[in-house]
Amino acid sequence: MIDRLNKTSICSIVFLDIIGYSKKSVSEQIDDKTLFNELINEAIKNVAQNDRIILDTGDGAAITLMGEPEEALFISLTIRDGILLHNKSTGQSLRVRIGINLGSVRVVNDINDRPNIVGDGINVAQRIMSFAGENEILVSRSYYEVTSRLTKEMSGMFTYSGVKHDKHIREHEVYVIKPIENDENNVAVSDFSSNKGNIEPPVSGNKVNILNRMLLASMVLLAGFIVLYFITNQFKSDSAGKEKSAHETVENNANHTRAKKTQSVKKCSQAESVLGQCR
């Protein structure tokens, strides 16, 4: 860790927060924090000491990972899985928010001469976490861009959640990690950390999204054909009207010409008649 001191690095940061922690009694805070710390220690047990820095934020924690970016996702899933299982088995309700970011940080020593993390990377991770709901994992656009390209299975784990604005009016594009049911038909979240290369999360939601997009595309295409049909008919109608009008104009001109000729003939006939009388 000494070789990274005062150097800027691109790291994955997991920021966690216990919801409603400050409103609980001291005994409840101790119970929640004890369970919370146990889950974190279990989740990071396979991460080398030199590849992580954990900061206690009082009502949560910030985990900086300097190795593989996907480690942040596996750790977050393991923690959330442990919380859900604990709540289900005990009837308690430990609720957390989790945010993940990939960004630049710098390792410095804190007032107790222990490694600490500063920089935009950890600040953004905290902002992403603040947008999350109860026991929900949100990730930043930078983290999504890197991690979703690793495997097809991992790409299917993310769902776009939109653009969020923090208190500084800064925009953040966020993605939510799809909730995974822990039943016989799906892979338990805790299995992800030990089977990185064989991740097969449920993709039913992704299939629905694809079907919805196909339906929307079909509707747009149909609407285009309808508009084209009406435009074509209108063009034909306008052309027919113009052609009819031109034909009527020609016919009127011809009739007018014939009328003039008839009048001329009559005048000539009258002139000849008058001339004959004079003779």
Protein backbone atom coordinates (compact mmCIF):
# COMPACT_ATOMS: atom_id res chain seq x y z
CA MET A 1 0.00 0.00 0.00
CA ILE A 2 2.96 2.34 0.60
CA ASP A 3 3.83 2.32 -3.12
CA ARG A 4 0.37 3.77 -3.90
CA LEU A 5 0.59 6.59 -1.36
CA ASN A 6 -0.12 10.05 -2.86
CA LYS A 7 -0.60 8.53 -6.30
CA THR A 8 -3.74 8.79 -8.40
CA SER A 9 -5.32 5.46 -9.36
CA ILE A 10 -8.44 4.33 -11.19
CA CYS A 11 -10.35 2.14 -8.75
CA SER A 12 -13.77 0.61 -8.13
CA ILE A 13 -15.49 2.03 -5.07
CA VAL A 14 -18.44 0.47 -3.24
CA PHE A 15 -20.24 2.92 -0.98
CA LEU A 16 -22.76 1.49 1.51
CA ASP A 17 -25.19 3.20 3.86
CA ILE A 18 -27.50 1.74 6.53
CA ILE A 19 -30.92 3.33 6.06
CA GLY A 20 -32.40 4.93 9.19
CA TYR A 21 -29.30 4.16 11.24
CA SER A 22 -29.28 7.45 13.19
CA LYS A 23 -32.94 7.05 14.20
CA LYS A 24 -32.34 3.73 15.96
CA SER A 25 -31.43 3.16 19.58
CA VAL A 26 -27.79 2.60 20.49
CA SER A 27 -28.36 -1.12 21.04
CA GLU A 28 -30.02 -1.43 17.63
CA GLN A 29 -27.18 0.50 16.02
CA ILE A 30 -24.65 -1.87 17.58
CA ASP A 31 -26.57 -4.93 16.37
CA ASP A 32 -26.92 -3.54 12.85
CA LYS A 33 -23.30 -2.44 12.63
CA THR A 34 -22.04 -5.79 13.95
CA LEU A 35 -24.00 -7.70 11.31
CA PHE A 36 -23.03 -5.15 8.67
CA ASN A 37 -19.30 -5.52 9.44
CA GLU A 38 -19.55 -9.32 9.46
CA LEU A 39 -21.14 -9.31 6.02
CA ILE A 40 -18.44 -6.99 4.64
CA ASN A 41 -15.63 -9.09 6.09
CA GLU A 42 -17.17 -12.23 4.60
CA ALA A 43 -17.57 -10.55 1.20
CA ILE A 44 -13.97 -9.29 0.98
CA LYS A 45 -12.21 -12.31 2.45
CA ASN A 46 -10.83 -13.36 -0.95
CA VAL A 47 -9.54 -9.89 -1.82
CA ALA A 48 -5.83 -9.32 -1.11
CA GLN A 49 -5.05 -6.90 1.72
CA ASN A 50 -3.04 -4.64 -0.58
CA ASP A 51 -5.88 -4.47 -3.12
CA ARG A 52 -8.46 -2.91 -0.81
CA ILE A 53 -9.02 -0.04 1.57
CA ILE A 54 -12.10 0.03 3.80
CA LEU A 55 -13.30 3.24 5.43
CA ASP A 56 -15.84 3.22 8.25
CA THR A 57 -18.29 6.08 7.67
CA GLY A 58 -20.25 5.58 10.89
CA ASP A 59 -23.56 4.60 9.35
CA GLY A 60 -21.94 2.67 6.52
CA ALA A 61 -18.66 1.99 4.76
CA ALA A 62 -16.66 2.75 1.65
CA ILE A 63 -14.71 -0.10 0.06
CA THR A 64 -12.04 0.85 -2.46
CA LEU A 65 -10.87 -2.00 -4.68
CA MET A 66 -7.69 -1.64 -6.72
CA GLY A 67 -7.86 -4.96 -8.55
CA GLU A 68 -10.42 -6.36 -10.98
CA PRO A 69 -13.42 -4.03 -11.43
CA GLU A 70 -15.95 -6.87 -11.28
CA GLU A 71 -14.88 -7.56 -7.67
CA ALA A 72 -16.98 -4.55 -6.61
CA LEU A 73 -20.07 -6.13 -8.13
CA PHE A 74 -19.49 -9.55 -6.54
CA ILE A 75 -18.88 -7.98 -3.13
CA SER A 76 -22.02 -5.85 -3.36
CA LEU A 77 -24.14 -8.82 -4.41
CA THR A 78 -22.74 -10.94 -1.58
CA ILE A 79 -23.51 -8.26 1.00
CA ARG A 80 -27.02 -7.69 -0.30
CA ASP A 81 -27.66 -11.44 -0.45
CA GLY A 82 -26.53 -11.82 3.15
CA ILE A 83 -28.82 -8.99 4.28
CA LEU A 84 -31.85 -10.43 2.47
CA LEU A 85 -31.23 -13.90 3.90
CA HIS A 86 -30.77 -12.47 7.39
CA ASN A 87 -33.99 -10.46 7.19
CA LYS A 88 -35.91 -13.47 5.91
CA SER A 89 -34.60 -15.86 8.57
CA THR A 90 -34.82 -13.52 11.57
CA GLY A 91 -37.74 -11.31 10.69
CA GLN A 92 -35.56 -8.24 11.21
CA SER A 93 -35.23 -5.46 8.68
CA LEU A 94 -31.69 -4.32 7.98
CA ARG A 95 -31.92 -1.97 5.02
CA VAL A 96 -28.97 -0.62 3.07
CA ARG A 97 -28.25 1.40 -0.04
CA ILE A 98 -25.29 0.47 -2.25
CA GLY A 99 -23.58 2.53 -4.93
CA ILE A 100 -20.66 1.53 -7.16
CA ASN A 101 -18.42 3.82 -9.19
CA LEU A 102 -15.27 3.49 -11.24
CA GLY A 103 -13.15 6.60 -10.98
CA SER A 104 -9.96 8.31 -9.90
CA VAL A 105 -8.88 8.37 -6.27
CA ARG A 106 -5.71 9.11 -4.35
CA VAL A 107 -4.38 7.19 -1.36
CA VAL A 108 -3.35 9.42 1.56
CA ASN A 109 -2.72 8.94 5.24
CA ASP A 110 -5.42 10.08 7.65
CA ILE A 111 -4.93 11.73 11.04
CA ASN A 112 -4.16 8.33 12.57
CA ASP A 113 -1.56 7.63 9.88
CA ARG A 114 -3.76 4.98 8.27
CA PRO A 115 -4.54 4.71 4.55
CA ASN A 116 -7.44 6.88 3.44
CA ILE A 117 -9.07 7.61 0.08
CA VAL A 118 -9.86 11.01 -1.42
CA GLY A 119 -10.91 12.09 -4.89
CA ASP A 120 -13.81 12.34 -7.30
CA GLY A 121 -14.14 8.56 -7.54
CA ILE A 122 -15.29 8.11 -3.96
CA ASN A 123 -17.41 11.28 -4.05
CA VAL A 124 -19.35 10.02 -7.07
CA ALA A 125 -19.76 6.59 -5.45
CA GLN A 126 -21.45 8.29 -2.50
CA ARG A 127 -23.71 10.26 -4.85
CA ILE A 128 -24.69 7.09 -6.72
CA MET A 129 -25.44 5.37 -3.42
CA SER A 130 -27.71 8.26 -2.37
CA PHE A 131 -29.99 7.56 -5.37
CA ALA A 132 -30.46 3.88 -4.45
CA GLY A 133 -33.58 2.47 -2.85
CA GLU A 134 -33.93 -0.05 -0.04
CA ASN A 135 -31.44 -2.93 -0.49
CA GLU A 136 -30.80 -1.74 -4.03
CA ILE A 137 -27.50 -1.58 -5.93
CA LEU A 138 -26.90 1.26 -8.37
CA VAL A 139 -23.79 1.73 -10.51
CA SER A 140 -22.41 4.70 -12.40
CA ARG A 141 -22.12 4.94 -16.18
CA SER A 142 -18.32 4.60 -16.00
CA TYR A 143 -18.57 1.36 -14.01
CA TYR A 144 -21.28 0.00 -16.31
CA GLU A 145 -19.26 0.75 -19.45
CA VAL A 146 -16.32 -1.30 -18.19
CA THR A 147 -18.04 -4.18 -16.42
CA SER A 148 -20.87 -4.82 -18.89
CA ARG A 149 -18.31 -5.53 -21.62
CA LEU A 150 -16.64 -8.35 -19.70
CA THR A 151 -19.20 -11.11 -20.38
CA LYS A 152 -22.61 -11.38 -22.00
CA GLU A 153 -24.07 -12.63 -18.73
CA MET A 154 -22.83 -9.64 -16.79
CA SER A 155 -24.20 -7.29 -19.41
CA GLY A 156 -27.67 -8.72 -18.77
CA MET A 157 -27.47 -7.85 -15.08
CA PHE A 158 -27.77 -4.08 -15.65
CA THR A 159 -30.90 -2.05 -16.31
CA TYR A 160 -30.73 1.63 -17.23
CA SER A 161 -32.35 3.73 -14.49
CA GLY A 162 -32.02 7.20 -16.01
CA VAL A 163 -30.23 10.45 -15.26
CA LYS A 164 -30.12 11.65 -11.65
CA HIS A 165 -29.07 15.04 -10.31
CA ASP A 166 -27.18 15.43 -7.05
CA LYS A 167 -27.34 18.43 -4.70
CA HIS A 168 -24.68 20.16 -6.79
CA ILE A 169 -26.89 19.83 -9.94
CA ARG A 170 -24.37 17.37 -11.36
CA GLU A 171 -25.84 14.75 -13.67
CA HIS A 172 -25.23 11.05 -13.13
CA GLU A 173 -26.38 8.28 -15.46
CA VAL A 174 -27.13 5.27 -13.29
CA TYR A 175 -27.88 1.59 -13.81
CA VAL A 176 -29.61 -0.72 -11.37
CA ILE A 177 -28.50 -4.28 -10.70
CA LYS A 178 -31.51 -6.52 -11.25
CA PRO A 179 -32.79 -8.16 -8.08
CA ILE A 180 -32.08 -11.89 -7.99
CA GLU A 181 -34.48 -14.26 -6.31
CA ASN A 182 -32.82 -16.87 -4.12
CA ASP A 183 -34.86 -19.91 -5.14
CA GLU A 184 -34.27 -23.24 -6.84
CA ASN A 185 -34.68 -21.75 -10.31
CA ASN A 186 -32.08 -19.00 -9.92
CA VAL A 187 -28.48 -18.68 -8.82
CA ALA A 188 -27.98 -17.42 -5.28
CA VAL A 189 -26.19 -14.11 -5.10
CA SER A 190 -23.45 -15.51 -2.89
CA ASP A 191 -22.57 -17.97 -5.64
CA PHE A 192 -21.45 -15.16 -7.92
CA SER A 193 -18.23 -14.49 -6.07
CA SER A 194 -17.10 -18.10 -6.37
CA ASN A 195 -18.28 -18.63 -9.99
CA LYS A 196 -17.15 -15.50 -11.79
CA GLY A 197 -16.70 -17.23 -15.11
CA ASN A 198 -20.07 -18.98 -15.08
CA ILE A 199 -22.49 -16.26 -14.14
CA GLU A 200 -25.99 -16.98 -15.39
CA PRO A 201 -28.36 -14.43 -13.86
CA PRO A 202 -32.02 -14.59 -14.83
CA VAL A 203 -32.70 -12.60 -17.97
CA SER A 204 -36.47 -12.76 -18.15
CA GLY A 205 -36.68 -9.02 -17.59
CA ASN A 206 -34.19 -8.48 -20.39
CA LYS A 207 -36.27 -10.63 -22.74
CA VAL A 208 -39.35 -8.58 -21.88
CA ASN A 209 -37.44 -5.40 -22.69
CA ILE A 210 -36.40 -6.85 -26.05
CA LEU A 211 -39.98 -7.87 -26.86
CA ASN A 212 -41.22 -4.42 -25.89
CA ARG A 213 -38.64 -2.79 -28.13
CA MET A 214 -39.58 -5.10 -31.03
CA LEU A 215 -43.27 -4.27 -30.53
CA LEU A 216 -42.51 -0.56 -30.42
CA ALA A 217 -40.41 -0.84 -33.59
CA SER A 218 -43.25 -2.70 -35.34
CA MET A 219 -45.73 -0.02 -34.30
CA VAL A 220 -43.45 2.73 -35.56
CA LEU A 221 -42.96 0.88 -38.86
CA LEU A 222 -46.73 0.38 -39.25
CA ALA A 223 -47.35 4.05 -38.52
CA GLY A 224 -44.79 4.93 -41.18
CA PHE A 225 -46.56 2.78 -43.77
CA ILE A 226 -49.91 4.37 -42.89
CA VAL A 227 -48.49 7.88 -43.26
CA LEU A 228 -46.85 6.91 -46.55
CA TYR A 229 -50.16 5.45 -47.79
CA PHE A 230 -52.08 8.64 -47.06
CA ILE A 231 -49.37 10.83 -48.59
CA THR A 232 -49.34 8.68 -51.76
CA ASN A 233 -53.14 8.81 -52.07
CA GLN A 234 -53.15 12.55 -51.49
CA PHE A 235 -50.50 12.97 -54.18
CA LYS A 236 -52.51 10.84 -56.62
CA SER A 237 -55.66 12.82 -55.80
CA ASP A 238 -53.88 16.12 -56.32
CA SER A 239 -52.39 14.89 -59.62
CA ALA A 240 -55.78 13.65 -60.84
CA GLY A 241 -57.36 16.96 -59.89
CA LYS A 242 -54.70 18.93 -61.70
CA GLU A 243 -55.02 16.69 -64.77
CA LYS A 244 -58.81 17.08 -64.79
CA SER A 245 -58.51 20.84 -64.40
CA ALA A 246 -56.03 21.02 -67.27
CA HIS A 247 -58.32 18.89 -69.45
CA GLU A 248 -61.28 21.12 -68.65
CA THR A 249 -59.23 24.20 -69.49
CA VAL A 250 -58.23 22.76 -72.87
CA GLU A 251 -61.82 21.76 -73.58
CA ASN A 252 -63.11 25.20 -72.62
CA ASN A 253 -60.51 26.84 -74.88
CA ALA A 254 -61.57 24.54 -77.74
CA ASN A 255 -65.23 25.37 -77.21
CA HIS A 256 -64.42 29.06 -77.13
CA THR A 257 -62.49 28.75 -80.38
CA ARG A 258 -65.34 26.86 -82.03
CA ALA A 259 -67.79 29.51 -80.84
CA LYS A 260 -65.67 32.23 -82.38
CA LYS A 261 -65.46 30.34 -85.66
CA THR A 262 -69.22 29.89 -85.65
CA GLN A 263 -69.72 33.59 -85.06
CA SER A 264 -67.30 34.40 -87.88
CA VAL A 265 -69.14 32.08 -90.25
CA LYS A 266 -72.45 33.69 -89.32
CA LYS A 267 -71.03 37.15 -89.89
CA CYS A 268 -69.67 36.10 -93.28
CA SER A 269 -73.02 34.63 -94.21
CA GLN A 270 -74.80 37.80 -93.22
CA ALA A 271 -72.29 39.87 -95.16
CA GLU A 272 -72.80 37.76 -98.28
CA SER A 273 -76.57 38.04 -97.90
CA VAL A 274 -76.41 41.83 -97.66
CA LEU A 275 -74.06 41.97 -100.65
CA GLY A 276 -76.44 39.83 -102.69
CA GLN A 277 -79.35 42.13 -101.94
CA CYS A 278 -77.34 45.14 -103.06
CA ARG A 279 -76.70 43.50 -106.40
